[in-house]
Protein backbone atom coordinates (compact mmCIF):
# COMPACT_ATOMS: atom_id res chain seq x y z
CA UNK A 1 55.88 -121.61 107.87
CA UNK A 2 57.55 -119.61 110.48
CA UNK A 3 58.59 -117.16 107.69
CA UNK A 4 54.83 -116.90 106.74
CA UNK A 5 53.82 -116.09 110.32
CA UNK A 6 56.50 -113.51 110.71
CA UNK A 7 55.53 -111.76 107.45
CA UNK A 8 51.88 -111.84 108.76
CA UNK A 9 52.85 -110.32 111.85
CA UNK A 10 54.92 -107.73 110.40
CA UNK A 11 52.05 -106.78 107.99
CA UNK A 12 49.63 -106.67 110.97
CA UNK A 13 51.91 -104.37 112.85
CA UNK A 14 52.39 -102.11 110.00
CA UNK A 15 48.67 -101.78 109.47
CA UNK A 16 47.97 -101.25 113.15
CA UNK A 17 50.69 -98.57 113.18
CA UNK A 18 49.06 -96.84 110.14
CA UNK A 19 45.48 -97.00 111.61
CA UNK A 20 47.04 -95.53 114.88
CA UNK A 21 48.87 -92.78 113.14
CA UNK A 22 45.85 -91.96 111.07
CA UNK A 23 43.68 -91.80 114.12
CA UNK A 24 45.87 -90.11 116.77
CA UNK A 25 48.41 -88.04 114.97
CA UNK A 26 46.09 -84.95 114.42
CA UNK A 27 45.39 -84.95 118.11
CA UNK A 28 48.98 -85.55 119.14
CA UNK A 29 50.33 -82.97 116.79
CA UNK A 30 47.76 -80.31 117.72
CA UNK A 31 46.44 -80.21 114.08
CA UNK A 32 42.75 -80.92 115.10
CA UNK A 33 43.08 -78.03 117.62
CA UNK A 34 44.31 -75.67 115.20
CA UNK A 35 41.74 -76.56 112.64
CA UNK A 36 39.07 -76.13 115.36
CA UNK A 37 40.46 -72.71 116.38
CA UNK A 38 40.47 -71.65 112.61
CA UNK A 39 37.03 -72.77 112.14
CA UNK A 40 36.04 -70.80 115.42
CA UNK A 41 37.58 -67.66 114.04
CA UNK A 42 36.45 -68.14 110.41
CA UNK A 43 32.75 -68.81 111.26
CA UNK A 44 32.00 -65.19 112.92
CA UNK A 45 33.90 -63.55 110.12
CA UNK A 46 31.97 -65.32 107.49
CA UNK A 47 28.79 -64.57 109.41
CA UNK A 48 29.87 -60.97 109.68
CA UNK A 49 30.73 -60.84 106.03
CA UNK A 50 27.23 -62.27 105.07
CA UNK A 51 25.59 -59.73 107.39
CA UNK A 52 27.65 -57.01 105.82
CA UNK A 53 26.51 -58.06 102.19
CA UNK A 54 23.00 -58.33 103.26
CA UNK A 55 23.19 -54.81 104.65
CA UNK A 56 24.71 -53.38 101.65
CA UNK A 57 22.29 -55.04 99.47
CA UNK A 58 19.32 -53.62 101.48
CA UNK A 59 20.96 -50.22 101.33
CA UNK A 60 21.26 -50.39 97.57
CA UNK A 61 17.80 -51.59 97.13
CA UNK A 62 16.64 -48.67 99.53
CA UNK A 63 18.69 -46.14 97.51
CA UNK A 64 17.21 -47.53 94.14
CA UNK A 65 13.68 -47.35 95.54
CA UNK A 66 14.24 -43.79 96.81
CA UNK A 67 15.61 -42.77 93.29
CA UNK A 68 12.73 -44.25 91.53
CA UNK A 69 10.36 -42.52 94.06
CA UNK A 70 12.12 -39.20 93.41
CA UNK A 71 11.86 -39.70 89.60
CA UNK A 72 8.25 -40.60 89.85
CA UNK A 73 7.65 -37.39 91.93
CA UNK A 74 9.58 -35.24 89.68
CA UNK A 75 7.64 -36.71 86.56
CA UNK A 76 4.33 -36.09 88.26
CA UNK A 77 5.36 -32.54 89.09
CA UNK A 78 6.50 -32.08 85.56
CA UNK A 79 3.25 -33.61 83.96
CA UNK A 80 0.88 -31.78 86.28
CA UNK A 81 -2.00 -30.95 84.02
CA UNK A 82 -3.11 -27.26 83.92
CA UNK A 83 -6.28 -25.85 82.82
CA UNK A 84 -4.89 -25.22 79.13
CA UNK A 85 -3.71 -28.84 79.15
CA UNK A 86 -6.94 -30.16 80.11
CA UNK A 87 -8.63 -28.01 77.43
CA UNK A 88 -6.03 -29.18 74.76
CA UNK A 89 -6.60 -32.87 75.84
CA UNK A 90 -10.35 -32.30 75.34
CA UNK A 91 -9.67 -31.10 71.76
CA UNK A 92 -11.19 -27.60 72.48
CA UNK A 93 -9.76 -24.18 71.67
CA UNK A 94 -10.94 -22.30 74.74
CA UNK A 95 -8.88 -19.96 76.65
CA UNK A 96 -8.67 -19.82 80.47
CA UNK A 97 -10.96 -16.77 80.43
CA UNK A 98 -13.61 -18.76 78.41
CA UNK A 99 -13.32 -21.68 80.78
CA UNK A 100 -13.90 -19.69 83.87
CA UNK A 101 -16.82 -17.74 82.22
CA UNK A 102 -18.46 -21.17 81.49
CA UNK A 103 -17.90 -22.10 85.27
CA UNK A 104 -19.43 -18.92 86.40
CA UNK A 105 -22.58 -19.31 84.08
CA UNK A 106 -22.97 -22.82 85.10
CA UNK A 107 -22.61 -21.97 88.91
CA UNK A 108 -25.22 -19.15 88.62
CA UNK A 109 -27.72 -21.43 86.69
CA UNK A 110 -27.32 -24.26 89.12
CA UNK A 111 -27.52 -22.00 92.22
CA UNK A 112 -30.77 -20.52 90.88
CA UNK A 113 -32.38 -23.84 90.26
CA UNK A 114 -31.42 -24.89 93.81
CA UNK A 115 -32.81 -21.62 95.20
CA UNK A 116 -36.14 -22.21 93.57
CA UNK A 117 -36.25 -25.86 94.58
CA UNK A 118 -35.09 -25.77 98.16
CA UNK A 119 -34.78 -22.04 99.18
CA UNK A 120 -31.80 -22.93 101.49
CA UNK A 121 -28.94 -20.61 101.08
CA UNK A 122 -26.30 -23.24 102.06
CA UNK A 123 -27.46 -25.52 99.32
CA UNK A 124 -27.46 -22.56 96.85
CA UNK A 125 -23.79 -21.84 97.81
CA UNK A 126 -22.79 -25.59 97.54
CA UNK A 127 -24.50 -25.65 94.06
CA UNK A 128 -22.70 -22.43 92.97
CA UNK A 129 -19.32 -23.95 93.95
CA UNK A 130 -20.10 -27.23 92.12
CA UNK A 131 -21.16 -25.36 89.12
CA UNK A 132 -18.10 -23.25 89.12
CA UNK A 133 -15.37 -25.82 89.76
CA UNK A 134 -16.95 -29.04 89.32
CA UNK A 135 -19.09 -29.16 86.22
CA UNK A 136 -16.56 -27.67 83.76
CA UNK A 137 -13.79 -29.84 84.95
CA UNK A 138 -16.01 -32.82 84.71
CA UNK A 139 -17.02 -31.82 81.18
CA UNK A 140 -13.43 -31.51 79.99
CA UNK A 141 -12.54 -34.79 81.63
CA UNK A 142 -15.38 -36.40 79.83
CA UNK A 143 -14.47 -34.98 76.44
CA UNK A 144 -10.76 -35.96 76.92
CA UNK A 145 -11.57 -39.59 77.88
CA UNK A 146 -13.78 -39.90 74.69
CA UNK A 147 -11.02 -38.26 72.61
CA UNK A 148 -8.35 -40.62 73.93
CA UNK A 149 -10.49 -43.55 73.31
CA UNK A 150 -10.83 -42.41 69.66
CA UNK A 151 -7.12 -41.84 69.58
CA UNK A 152 -6.02 -45.39 70.95
CA UNK A 153 -8.46 -47.01 68.38
CA UNK A 154 -6.95 -45.24 65.44
CA UNK A 155 -3.22 -45.13 66.46
CA UNK A 156 -2.37 -48.71 65.38
CA UNK A 157 -3.38 -47.93 61.77
CA UNK A 158 -1.31 -44.67 61.95
CA UNK A 159 1.78 -46.97 62.95
CA UNK A 160 1.00 -49.37 60.10
CA UNK A 161 1.16 -46.52 57.68
CA UNK A 162 4.58 -45.76 58.95
CA UNK A 163 5.72 -49.39 58.88
CA UNK A 164 4.57 -49.86 55.29
CA UNK A 165 6.15 -46.39 54.15
CA UNK A 166 9.47 -47.34 55.85
CA UNK A 167 9.63 -50.65 54.09
CA UNK A 168 8.72 -49.04 50.72
CA UNK A 169 11.80 -46.61 51.15
CA UNK A 170 9.93 -43.41 52.34
CA UNK A 171 11.61 -41.26 55.03
CA UNK A 172 9.99 -41.23 58.29
CA UNK A 173 9.11 -37.57 58.15
CA UNK A 174 7.12 -38.24 54.91
CA UNK A 175 5.18 -41.02 56.59
CA UNK A 176 4.24 -38.43 59.46
CA UNK A 177 3.06 -36.09 56.84
CA UNK A 178 0.87 -38.73 55.04
CA UNK A 179 -0.74 -39.35 58.61
CA UNK A 180 -1.09 -35.78 59.41
CA UNK A 181 -3.02 -35.42 55.88
CA UNK A 182 -5.11 -38.50 55.68
CA UNK A 183 -5.61 -40.27 59.07
CA UNK A 184 -8.69 -39.94 61.09
CA UNK A 185 -9.16 -37.51 64.08
CA UNK A 186 -7.71 -37.08 66.67
CA UNK A 187 -4.50 -38.81 65.37
CA UNK A 188 -4.68 -36.55 62.39
CA UNK A 189 -4.39 -33.26 64.30
CA UNK A 190 -1.93 -34.74 66.69
CA UNK A 191 0.59 -35.82 64.05
CA UNK A 192 -0.01 -32.43 62.36
CA UNK A 193 1.22 -30.83 65.60
CA UNK A 194 4.36 -33.12 65.39
CA UNK A 195 5.04 -32.16 61.89
CA UNK A 196 4.66 -28.46 62.56
CA UNK A 197 6.97 -28.76 65.46
CA UNK A 198 9.70 -30.42 63.22
CA UNK A 199 9.27 -27.59 60.81
CA UNK A 200 9.80 -24.95 63.50
CA UNK A 201 13.22 -26.89 64.26
CA UNK A 202 12.20 -29.16 67.19
CA UNK A 203 13.84 -32.72 67.04
CA UNK A 204 11.60 -35.57 66.19
CA UNK A 205 12.00 -37.38 69.57
CA UNK A 206 11.04 -34.14 71.43
CA UNK A 207 7.98 -33.51 69.14
CA UNK A 208 6.94 -37.15 69.78
CA UNK A 209 7.47 -36.75 73.51
CA UNK A 210 4.99 -33.76 73.42
CA UNK A 211 2.46 -36.13 72.15
CA UNK A 212 2.29 -37.85 75.49
CA UNK A 213 1.46 -34.52 77.24
CA UNK A 214 -1.43 -33.86 74.94
CA UNK A 215 -2.56 -37.54 74.96
CA UNK A 216 -1.49 -39.09 78.31
CA UNK A 217 -1.95 -42.71 77.32
CA UNK A 218 0.43 -45.65 77.29
CA UNK A 219 0.35 -45.77 73.50
CA UNK A 220 1.61 -42.37 72.90
CA UNK A 221 4.30 -42.83 75.46
CA UNK A 222 5.50 -46.03 73.89
CA UNK A 223 5.80 -44.25 70.56
CA UNK A 224 7.93 -41.58 71.96
CA UNK A 225 10.16 -44.07 73.67
CA UNK A 226 10.51 -46.27 70.53
CA UNK A 227 11.54 -43.08 68.43
CA UNK A 228 14.02 -42.10 71.08
CA UNK A 229 15.61 -45.51 71.54
CA UNK A 230 15.93 -45.92 67.68
CA UNK A 231 17.68 -42.41 67.33
CA UNK A 232 20.34 -43.20 70.08
CA UNK A 233 20.92 -46.86 69.33
CA UNK A 234 19.76 -47.51 65.80
CA UNK A 235 17.91 -50.72 64.65
CA UNK A 236 14.95 -51.71 62.39
CA UNK A 237 12.35 -49.05 63.09
CA UNK A 238 9.83 -50.60 60.80
CA UNK A 239 9.94 -53.96 62.81
CA UNK A 240 9.95 -52.13 66.16
CA UNK A 241 6.77 -50.16 65.24
CA UNK A 242 5.06 -53.07 63.73
CA UNK A 243 5.56 -54.84 67.13
CA UNK A 244 4.35 -51.76 68.92
CA UNK A 245 1.20 -51.80 66.76
CA UNK A 246 0.69 -55.31 67.44
CA UNK A 247 1.03 -54.79 71.21
CA UNK A 248 -1.40 -51.89 71.10
CA UNK A 249 -3.95 -54.00 69.24
CA UNK A 250 -3.63 -56.83 71.68
CA UNK A 251 -4.07 -54.39 74.55
CA UNK A 252 -7.37 -53.12 73.11
CA UNK A 253 -8.66 -56.70 72.51
CA UNK A 254 -7.82 -57.37 76.20
CA UNK A 255 -9.66 -54.28 77.30
CA UNK A 256 -12.75 -55.10 75.27
CA UNK A 257 -12.75 -58.73 76.68
CA UNK A 258 -12.46 -57.46 80.27
CA UNK A 259 -15.20 -55.02 79.36
CA UNK A 260 -17.65 -57.78 78.03
CA UNK A 261 -16.88 -60.07 80.87
CA UNK A 262 -17.38 -57.39 83.48
CA UNK A 263 -20.73 -56.10 82.00
CA UNK A 264 -22.77 -58.36 84.18
CA UNK A 265 -21.04 -57.11 87.41
CA UNK A 266 -21.50 -53.51 86.30
CA UNK A 267 -25.21 -53.88 85.55
CA UNK A 268 -25.76 -55.57 89.02
CA UNK A 269 -23.82 -52.71 90.69
CA UNK A 270 -25.91 -50.12 88.88
CA UNK A 271 -29.28 -51.87 89.91
CA UNK A 272 -28.01 -52.15 93.51
CA UNK A 273 -26.98 -48.51 93.46
CA UNK A 274 -30.12 -47.08 91.83
CA UNK A 275 -32.51 -49.32 93.78
CA UNK A 276 -32.70 -47.25 97.02
CA UNK A 277 -33.22 -43.91 95.63
CA UNK A 278 -35.73 -45.36 93.25
CA UNK A 279 -37.85 -46.82 95.90
CA UNK A 280 -37.50 -43.57 97.99
CA UNK A 281 -38.90 -41.67 95.09
CA UNK A 282 -41.73 -43.99 94.42
CA UNK A 283 -42.73 -44.05 97.98
CA UNK A 284 -42.47 -40.21 97.97
CA UNK A 285 -44.80 -39.90 94.85
CA UNK A 286 -47.43 -42.39 96.14
CA UNK A 287 -47.39 -41.25 99.96
CA UNK A 288 -45.86 -37.82 100.42
CA UNK A 289 -46.81 -37.60 103.97
CA UNK A 290 -45.17 -40.92 104.89
CA UNK A 291 -41.76 -39.34 103.99
CA UNK A 292 -42.32 -35.99 105.50
CA UNK A 293 -40.42 -36.87 108.84
CA UNK A 294 -37.47 -37.32 106.84
CA UNK A 295 -37.19 -33.50 105.74
CA UNK A 296 -38.93 -32.01 108.96
CA UNK A 297 -37.27 -33.65 111.84
CA UNK A 298 -33.55 -33.75 113.01
CA UNK A 299 -33.41 -37.46 113.23
CA UNK A 300 -34.83 -37.67 109.67
CA UNK A 301 -32.04 -35.41 108.37
CA UNK A 302 -29.35 -37.31 110.23
CA UNK A 303 -30.73 -40.56 108.80
CA UNK A 304 -30.58 -39.18 105.17
CA UNK A 305 -27.09 -38.08 105.77
CA UNK A 306 -26.01 -41.42 106.95
CA UNK A 307 -27.78 -43.17 104.21
CA UNK A 308 -26.13 -40.86 101.68
CA UNK A 309 -22.69 -41.57 103.22
CA UNK A 310 -23.19 -45.31 103.15
CA UNK A 311 -24.72 -45.40 99.75
CA UNK A 312 -21.55 -43.28 98.39
CA UNK A 313 -19.24 -45.64 100.14
CA UNK A 314 -20.97 -48.68 98.60
CA UNK A 315 -20.98 -47.29 95.19
CA UNK A 316 -17.49 -46.37 95.40
CA UNK A 317 -16.39 -49.84 96.58
CA UNK A 318 -18.36 -51.41 93.88
CA UNK A 319 -16.86 -49.21 91.20
CA UNK A 320 -13.31 -50.04 92.55
CA UNK A 321 -14.23 -53.87 92.27
CA UNK A 322 -15.55 -53.74 88.64
CA UNK A 323 -13.09 -51.29 87.03
CA UNK A 324 -10.03 -52.80 85.68
CA UNK A 325 -7.00 -51.02 84.00
CA UNK A 326 -4.97 -52.50 81.33
């Protein structure tokens, strides 16, 4: 019994010594203080390293953003549309001289009409400037948008012709010639220009890149990019163009869907925008004397100018709200 008590006492003493060693040795040996000093020195270093990494990351992001901005500015400057480019986008064969001649004629006609109607030379001068610079530019823009819409509607069919031709074993140049001979306008004339450029020795990728300059739409840009990537890296051109054709058709479906959904808002905006001028015109026709102070007094003229500014602002805001770009 005494040996058992002695053994128990020895085990208790060993356990107490182990616990004491585990608890107090780091403090007695200075290990805890050393660890604390190491953490104190390491924490600021880690914070400084994290701050340096964040600063470097922000600097890289700033450099990338600046590079992208520079590239965008260079692209805008390179693709700045001239008068000849606008005429080409509209599908016309005018020269610069004919364009300015049309502007002079429209300016003279509009100024004569305003001179007869108002007799105010300031209004006549403004009308001449509008006819000289505004109306021809608007006409070219209108024709260009209509031509571009016809191009985007027909372009997927041209891509399908290329896909079927490549799958049947025809070279790409033969497929382009088929489109240039049998497609609908304006795809027919645009691909004819590509074929003619190749005949003169221009590479296919560069000739396809010129298509985007004549037709500044995403579809033409996609086509040029696909051909450029395929020439550099290879791959299945038929499958790539088939995917591009499907994407273009889906974009057109989405655009038509948005147009149908927004027609109610466009009709409401048109009614709201035309209601004040229509009411003013009806009042003037029924009671001309009632509207005379608007033309004959300074307060009336100021009111007309203010109304025109506010109406124009409202129309622009409504136009921005109901127009969607895909």
